[in-house]
Amino acid sequence: MRLTLICHAATAATRAAAFPLDEPIDEPGAAAAAAAKLQTADRVWTSPALRARQTASALGLEAAIEPLLRDADCGRWAGRRLAALQGEEPDAVAAWLSDPSAAPHGGESVLDVLRRVGSWLDGLTAGRSRAIAVTHPAVVRAAIVHAIGAPPPSFWRIDIEPLSLTDLRRGPRHWTLRAAGVPL
């Protein structure tokens, strides 16, 4: 199985280094222009978030909504800028960035996201199929960590840009990473 993960297009929150709300993408035309670069797929999924659904639509993809592809739940930090939180709650932000089990915002920890995404990946049936999933940087990072068996703290060492592709392959026993963060 070949799975291509596409990070949603940029939003006001991604441009402002803020924790997102359910917001629209900034420039649908950028995703539409990239659509010609996509290969066909047997299965296509999207996160339920507006930004992911709009990206899938702009890419010309008819995608089924998959709740397990939702963005990390940032709890009470949703809609807030990281820089402001670092000034107001420096210990909480430091814990969140250094301890994969920490969830000082009241949402999901990195470990929660890793478990959710790993479970989704392992539940996909192998075979000679091509699939696409339009989702979020946190989900793509978690998929990469799962595929390569990296330790949870490596989650924060992976940079995923808007409208980038990450290709995973599933063999009979495990996932492998073929390419990460390739601009669309």
C-alpha atoms as a PDB file:
ATOM      1  CA  MET A   1       0.000   0.000   0.000  1.00  0.00           C
ATOM      2  CA  ARG A   2       1.151   3.501  -0.784  1.00  0.00           C
ATOM      3  CA  LEU A   3      -0.205   6.265   1.446  1.00  0.00           C
ATOM      4  CA  THR A   4       0.381   9.912   0.612  1.00  0.00           C
ATOM      5  CA  LEU A   5      -0.291  12.288   3.487  1.00  0.00           C
ATOM      6  CA  ILE A   6      -0.955  15.876   2.405  1.00  0.00           C
ATOM      7  CA  CYS A   7      -0.683  18.666   4.924  1.00  0.00           C
ATOM      8  CA  HIS A   8      -3.538  21.140   4.612  1.00  0.00           C
ATOM      9  CA  ALA A   9      -2.959  24.549   3.013  1.00  0.00           C
ATOM     10  CA  ALA A  10      -1.872  27.539   5.104  1.00  0.00           C
ATOM     11  CA  THR A  11      -4.303  29.289   7.431  1.00  0.00           C
ATOM     12  CA  ALA A  12      -4.166  32.454   9.516  1.00  0.00           C
ATOM     13  CA  ALA A  13      -3.093  30.328  12.516  1.00  0.00           C
ATOM     14  CA  THR A  14      -0.237  28.596  10.682  1.00  0.00           C
ATOM     15  CA  ARG A  15       1.044  31.963   9.477  1.00  0.00           C
ATOM     16  CA  ALA A  16       0.816  33.420  13.008  1.00  0.00           C
ATOM     17  CA  ALA A  17       2.333  30.395  14.824  1.00  0.00           C
ATOM     18  CA  ALA A  18      -0.937  29.980  16.704  1.00  0.00           C
ATOM     19  CA  PHE A  19      -2.870  26.928  17.822  1.00  0.00           C
ATOM     20  CA  PRO A  20      -5.655  26.594  15.247  1.00  0.00           C
ATOM     21  CA  LEU A  21      -9.371  26.819  15.551  1.00  0.00           C
ATOM     22  CA  ASP A  22     -11.605  25.294  12.858  1.00  0.00           C
ATOM     23  CA  GLU A  23     -10.616  27.895  10.306  1.00  0.00           C
ATOM     24  CA  PRO A  24     -10.563  28.232   6.511  1.00  0.00           C
ATOM     25  CA  ILE A  25      -7.469  28.060   4.342  1.00  0.00           C
ATOM     26  CA  ASP A  26      -5.915  31.360   3.212  1.00  0.00           C
ATOM     27  CA  GLU A  27      -5.336  30.743  -0.472  1.00  0.00           C
ATOM     28  CA  PRO A  28      -7.452  28.009  -2.092  1.00  0.00           C
ATOM     29  CA  GLY A  29      -5.779  28.831  -5.414  1.00  0.00           C
ATOM     30  CA  ALA A  30      -2.428  27.520  -4.161  1.00  0.00           C
ATOM     31  CA  ALA A  31      -3.952  24.100  -3.496  1.00  0.00           C
ATOM     32  CA  ALA A  32      -5.834  24.119  -6.793  1.00  0.00           C
ATOM     33  CA  ALA A  33      -2.596  24.874  -8.670  1.00  0.00           C
ATOM     34  CA  ALA A  34      -0.920  21.898  -7.005  1.00  0.00           C
ATOM     35  CA  ALA A  35      -3.699  19.461  -7.936  1.00  0.00           C
ATOM     36  CA  ALA A  36      -2.083  18.514 -11.247  1.00  0.00           C
ATOM     37  CA  LYS A  37       0.891  17.043  -9.372  1.00  0.00           C
ATOM     38  CA  LEU A  38      -1.220  14.437  -7.568  1.00  0.00           C
ATOM     39  CA  GLN A  39      -1.486  10.872  -8.733  1.00  0.00           C
ATOM     40  CA  THR A  40      -4.793   9.065  -8.663  1.00  0.00           C
ATOM     41  CA  ALA A  41      -5.772   7.102  -5.586  1.00  0.00           C
ATOM     42  CA  ASP A  42      -8.082   4.211  -4.780  1.00  0.00           C
ATOM     43  CA  ARG A  43      -9.046   5.720  -1.430  1.00  0.00           C
ATOM     44  CA  VAL A  44      -9.035   9.326  -0.213  1.00  0.00           C
ATOM     45  CA  TRP A  45      -9.661  10.601   3.311  1.00  0.00           C
ATOM     46  CA  THR A  46      -9.652  13.981   4.991  1.00  0.00           C
ATOM     47  CA  SER A  47      -9.657  15.266   8.514  1.00  0.00           C
ATOM     48  CA  PRO A  48     -13.037  16.662   9.576  1.00  0.00           C
ATOM     49  CA  ALA A  49     -11.475  20.135  10.034  1.00  0.00           C
ATOM     50  CA  LEU A  50     -12.581  22.882   7.645  1.00  0.00           C
ATOM     51  CA  ARG A  51      -8.995  23.617   6.547  1.00  0.00           C
ATOM     52  CA  ALA A  52      -8.406  19.979   5.570  1.00  0.00           C
ATOM     53  CA  ARG A  53     -11.770  19.620   3.803  1.00  0.00           C
ATOM     54  CA  GLN A  54     -11.177  22.850   1.870  1.00  0.00           C
ATOM     55  CA  THR A  55      -7.687  21.691   0.879  1.00  0.00           C
ATOM     56  CA  ALA A  56      -9.050  18.351  -0.356  1.00  0.00           C
ATOM     57  CA  SER A  57     -11.734  20.153  -2.337  1.00  0.00           C
ATOM     58  CA  ALA A  58      -9.249  22.622  -3.847  1.00  0.00           C
ATOM     59  CA  LEU A  59      -7.089  19.641  -4.852  1.00  0.00           C
ATOM     60  CA  GLY A  60     -10.102  18.158  -6.632  1.00  0.00           C
ATOM     61  CA  LEU A  61     -10.283  15.205  -4.253  1.00  0.00           C
ATOM     62  CA  GLU A  62     -13.550  13.560  -3.248  1.00  0.00           C
ATOM     63  CA  ALA A  63     -12.561  12.559   0.260  1.00  0.00           C
ATOM     64  CA  ALA A  64     -14.320  10.643   2.987  1.00  0.00           C
ATOM     65  CA  ILE A  65     -14.077  12.247   6.421  1.00  0.00           C
ATOM     66  CA  GLU A  66     -11.926  10.201   8.812  1.00  0.00           C
ATOM     67  CA  PRO A  67     -12.212  11.380  12.452  1.00  0.00           C
ATOM     68  CA  LEU A  68      -8.884   9.755  13.396  1.00  0.00           C
ATOM     69  CA  LEU A  69      -7.120  12.213  11.054  1.00  0.00           C
ATOM     70  CA  ARG A  70      -8.257  15.206  13.141  1.00  0.00           C
ATOM     71  CA  ASP A  71      -5.660  17.669  14.386  1.00  0.00           C
ATOM     72  CA  ALA A  72      -4.196  17.391  17.862  1.00  0.00           C
ATOM     73  CA  ASP A  73      -6.623  18.699  20.466  1.00  0.00           C
ATOM     74  CA  CYS A  74      -4.900  21.763  21.949  1.00  0.00           C
ATOM     75  CA  GLY A  75      -7.554  22.253  24.610  1.00  0.00           C
ATOM     76  CA  ARG A  76      -7.697  25.748  26.089  1.00  0.00           C
ATOM     77  CA  TRP A  77      -4.733  26.856  23.937  1.00  0.00           C
ATOM     78  CA  ALA A  78      -6.807  26.684  20.725  1.00  0.00           C
ATOM     79  CA  GLY A  79      -6.754  30.041  18.947  1.00  0.00           C
ATOM     80  CA  ARG A  80      -3.811  31.312  21.003  1.00  0.00           C
ATOM     81  CA  ARG A  81      -0.356  32.281  19.710  1.00  0.00           C
ATOM     82  CA  LEU A  82       2.552  30.184  20.890  1.00  0.00           C
ATOM     83  CA  ALA A  83       4.649  33.285  21.655  1.00  0.00           C
ATOM     84  CA  ALA A  84       1.953  34.662  23.967  1.00  0.00           C
ATOM     85  CA  LEU A  85       1.631  31.343  25.769  1.00  0.00           C
ATOM     86  CA  GLN A  86       5.387  31.124  26.240  1.00  0.00           C
ATOM     87  CA  GLY A  87       5.211  34.461  28.039  1.00  0.00           C
ATOM     88  CA  GLU A  88       2.149  33.567  30.128  1.00  0.00           C
ATOM     89  CA  GLU A  89       2.775  29.876  30.839  1.00  0.00           C
ATOM     90  CA  PRO A  90       6.463  29.180  30.164  1.00  0.00           C
ATOM     91  CA  ASP A  91       6.609  26.069  32.348  1.00  0.00           C
ATOM     92  CA  ALA A  92       3.492  24.576  30.764  1.00  0.00           C
ATOM     93  CA  VAL A  93       4.776  25.195  27.219  1.00  0.00           C
ATOM     94  CA  ALA A  94       8.208  23.795  28.138  1.00  0.00           C
ATOM     95  CA  ALA A  95       6.592  20.662  29.589  1.00  0.00           C
ATOM     96  CA  TRP A  96       4.423  20.205  26.494  1.00  0.00           C
ATOM     97  CA  LEU A  97       7.445  20.522  24.190  1.00  0.00           C
ATOM     98  CA  SER A  98       9.688  18.209  26.220  1.00  0.00           C
ATOM     99  CA  ASP A  99       7.428  15.563  27.773  1.00  0.00           C
ATOM    100  CA  PRO A 100       5.363  13.555  25.247  1.00  0.00           C
ATOM    101  CA  SER A 101       2.895  12.618  28.000  1.00  0.00           C
ATOM    102  CA  ALA A 102       2.215  16.232  29.041  1.00  0.00           C
ATOM    103  CA  ALA A 103      -1.058  17.936  28.168  1.00  0.00           C
ATOM    104  CA  PRO A 104      -1.056  21.155  30.234  1.00  0.00           C
ATOM    105  CA  HIS A 105      -3.624  22.674  27.853  1.00  0.00           C
ATOM    106  CA  GLY A 106      -6.203  20.041  28.769  1.00  0.00           C
ATOM    107  CA  GLY A 107      -6.252  18.476  25.303  1.00  0.00           C
ATOM    108  CA  GLU A 108      -4.263  15.602  23.815  1.00  0.00           C
ATOM    109  CA  SER A 109      -0.662  14.851  24.667  1.00  0.00           C
ATOM    110  CA  VAL A 110       1.816  13.946  21.944  1.00  0.00           C
ATOM    111  CA  LEU A 111       1.544  10.323  23.133  1.00  0.00           C
ATOM    112  CA  ASP A 112      -2.236  10.485  22.643  1.00  0.00           C
ATOM    113  CA  VAL A 113      -1.761  11.706  19.062  1.00  0.00           C
ATOM    114  CA  LEU A 114       0.915   9.064  18.371  1.00  0.00           C
ATOM    115  CA  ARG A 115      -1.388   6.284  19.622  1.00  0.00           C
ATOM    116  CA  ARG A 116      -4.380   7.542  17.642  1.00  0.00           C
ATOM    117  CA  VAL A 117      -2.492   7.921  14.365  1.00  0.00           C
ATOM    118  CA  GLY A 118      -0.537   4.674  14.826  1.00  0.00           C
ATOM    119  CA  SER A 119      -3.790   2.812  15.431  1.00  0.00           C
ATOM    120  CA  TRP A 120      -5.300   4.298  12.266  1.00  0.00           C
ATOM    121  CA  LEU A 121      -2.252   3.381  10.183  1.00  0.00           C
ATOM    122  CA  ASP A 122      -2.120  -0.167  11.515  1.00  0.00           C
ATOM    123  CA  GLY A 123      -5.827  -0.585  10.827  1.00  0.00           C
ATOM    124  CA  LEU A 124      -5.416   0.124   7.113  1.00  0.00           C
ATOM    125  CA  THR A 125      -5.407  -2.971   4.970  1.00  0.00           C
ATOM    126  CA  ALA A 126      -2.276  -3.649   2.984  1.00  0.00           C
ATOM    127  CA  GLY A 127      -2.384  -4.514  -0.659  1.00  0.00           C
ATOM    128  CA  ARG A 128      -1.671  -2.965  -3.981  1.00  0.00           C
ATOM    129  CA  SER A 129      -3.579   0.231  -3.412  1.00  0.00           C
ATOM    130  CA  ARG A 130      -2.841   3.932  -3.401  1.00  0.00           C
ATOM    131  CA  ALA A 131      -4.396   6.180  -0.805  1.00  0.00           C
ATOM    132  CA  ILE A 132      -4.321   9.878   0.022  1.00  0.00           C
ATOM    133  CA  ALA A 133      -5.086  11.531   3.356  1.00  0.00           C
ATOM    134  CA  VAL A 134      -5.395  15.300   3.783  1.00  0.00           C
ATOM    135  CA  THR A 135      -4.603  16.161   7.367  1.00  0.00           C
ATOM    136  CA  HIS A 136      -2.501  18.273   9.765  1.00  0.00           C
ATOM    137  CA  PRO A 137       1.196  18.671  10.597  1.00  0.00           C
ATOM    138  CA  ALA A 138       0.758  16.890  13.949  1.00  0.00           C
ATOM    139  CA  VAL A 139      -0.861  13.880  12.272  1.00  0.00           C
ATOM    140  CA  VAL A 140       1.832  13.718   9.593  1.00  0.00           C
ATOM    141  CA  ARG A 141       4.564  13.925  12.265  1.00  0.00           C
ATOM    142  CA  ALA A 142       2.885  11.148  14.239  1.00  0.00           C
ATOM    143  CA  ALA A 143       2.639   8.979  11.115  1.00  0.00           C
ATOM    144  CA  ILE A 144       6.351   9.439  10.414  1.00  0.00           C
ATOM    145  CA  VAL A 145       7.312   8.622  14.016  1.00  0.00           C
ATOM    146  CA  HIS A 146       5.144   5.500  13.849  1.00  0.00           C
ATOM    147  CA  ALA A 147       6.454   4.394  10.450  1.00  0.00           C
ATOM    148  CA  ILE A 148      10.119   4.589  11.404  1.00  0.00           C
ATOM    149  CA  GLY A 149       9.709   3.471  15.010  1.00  0.00           C
ATOM    150  CA  ALA A 150      11.263   6.684  16.325  1.00  0.00           C
ATOM    151  CA  PRO A 151      11.037   7.615  19.999  1.00  0.00           C
ATOM    152  CA  PRO A 152       8.129   9.941  20.888  1.00  0.00           C
ATOM    153  CA  PRO A 153      10.314  13.037  21.572  1.00  0.00           C
ATOM    154  CA  SER A 154      11.369  12.992  17.900  1.00  0.00           C
ATOM    155  CA  PHE A 155       7.835  14.205  17.075  1.00  0.00           C
ATOM    156  CA  TRP A 156       9.022  17.792  17.618  1.00  0.00           C
ATOM    157  CA  ARG A 157      12.049  17.375  15.317  1.00  0.00           C
ATOM    158  CA  ILE A 158       9.947  16.960  12.180  1.00  0.00           C
ATOM    159  CA  ASP A 159       8.893  20.062  10.265  1.00  0.00           C
ATOM    160  CA  ILE A 160       5.838  19.722   8.028  1.00  0.00           C
ATOM    161  CA  GLU A 161       4.916  22.666   5.815  1.00  0.00           C
ATOM    162  CA  PRO A 162       1.481  23.508   4.445  1.00  0.00           C
ATOM    163  CA  LEU A 163       0.738  21.721   1.161  1.00  0.00           C
ATOM    164  CA  SER A 164       3.564  19.224   1.541  1.00  0.00           C
ATOM    165  CA  LEU A 165       3.479  15.501   0.737  1.00  0.00           C
ATOM    166  CA  THR A 166       4.722  12.636   2.869  1.00  0.00           C
ATOM    167  CA  ASP A 167       4.789   9.172   1.325  1.00  0.00           C
ATOM    168  CA  LEU A 168       4.575   6.011   3.390  1.00  0.00           C
ATOM    169  CA  ARG A 169       4.611   2.420   2.168  1.00  0.00           C
ATOM    170  CA  ARG A 170       3.164  -0.549   3.966  1.00  0.00           C
ATOM    171  CA  GLY A 171       4.684  -3.928   3.463  1.00  0.00           C
ATOM    172  CA  PRO A 172       3.593  -7.221   4.961  1.00  0.00           C
ATOM    173  CA  ARG A 173       4.975  -6.380   8.413  1.00  0.00           C
ATOM    174  CA  HIS A 174       5.430  -2.640   8.837  1.00  0.00           C
ATOM    175  CA  TRP A 175       5.327   0.862   7.415  1.00  0.00           C
ATOM    176  CA  THR A 176       8.313   2.624   5.869  1.00  0.00           C
ATOM    177  CA  LEU A 177       8.944   6.257   5.085  1.00  0.00           C
ATOM    178  CA  ARG A 178       9.630   6.974   1.434  1.00  0.00           C
ATOM    179  CA  ALA A 179       9.604  10.792   1.415  1.00  0.00           C
ATOM    180  CA  ALA A 180       8.736  13.480   3.947  1.00  0.00           C
ATOM    181  CA  GLY A 181       7.660  17.077   3.628  1.00  0.00           C
ATOM    182  CA  VAL A 182       8.019  17.350  -0.149  1.00  0.00           C
ATOM    183  CA  PRO A 183       6.372  20.587  -1.391  1.00  0.00           C
ATOM    184  CA  LEU A 184       3.300  19.917  -3.502  1.00  0.00           C
END
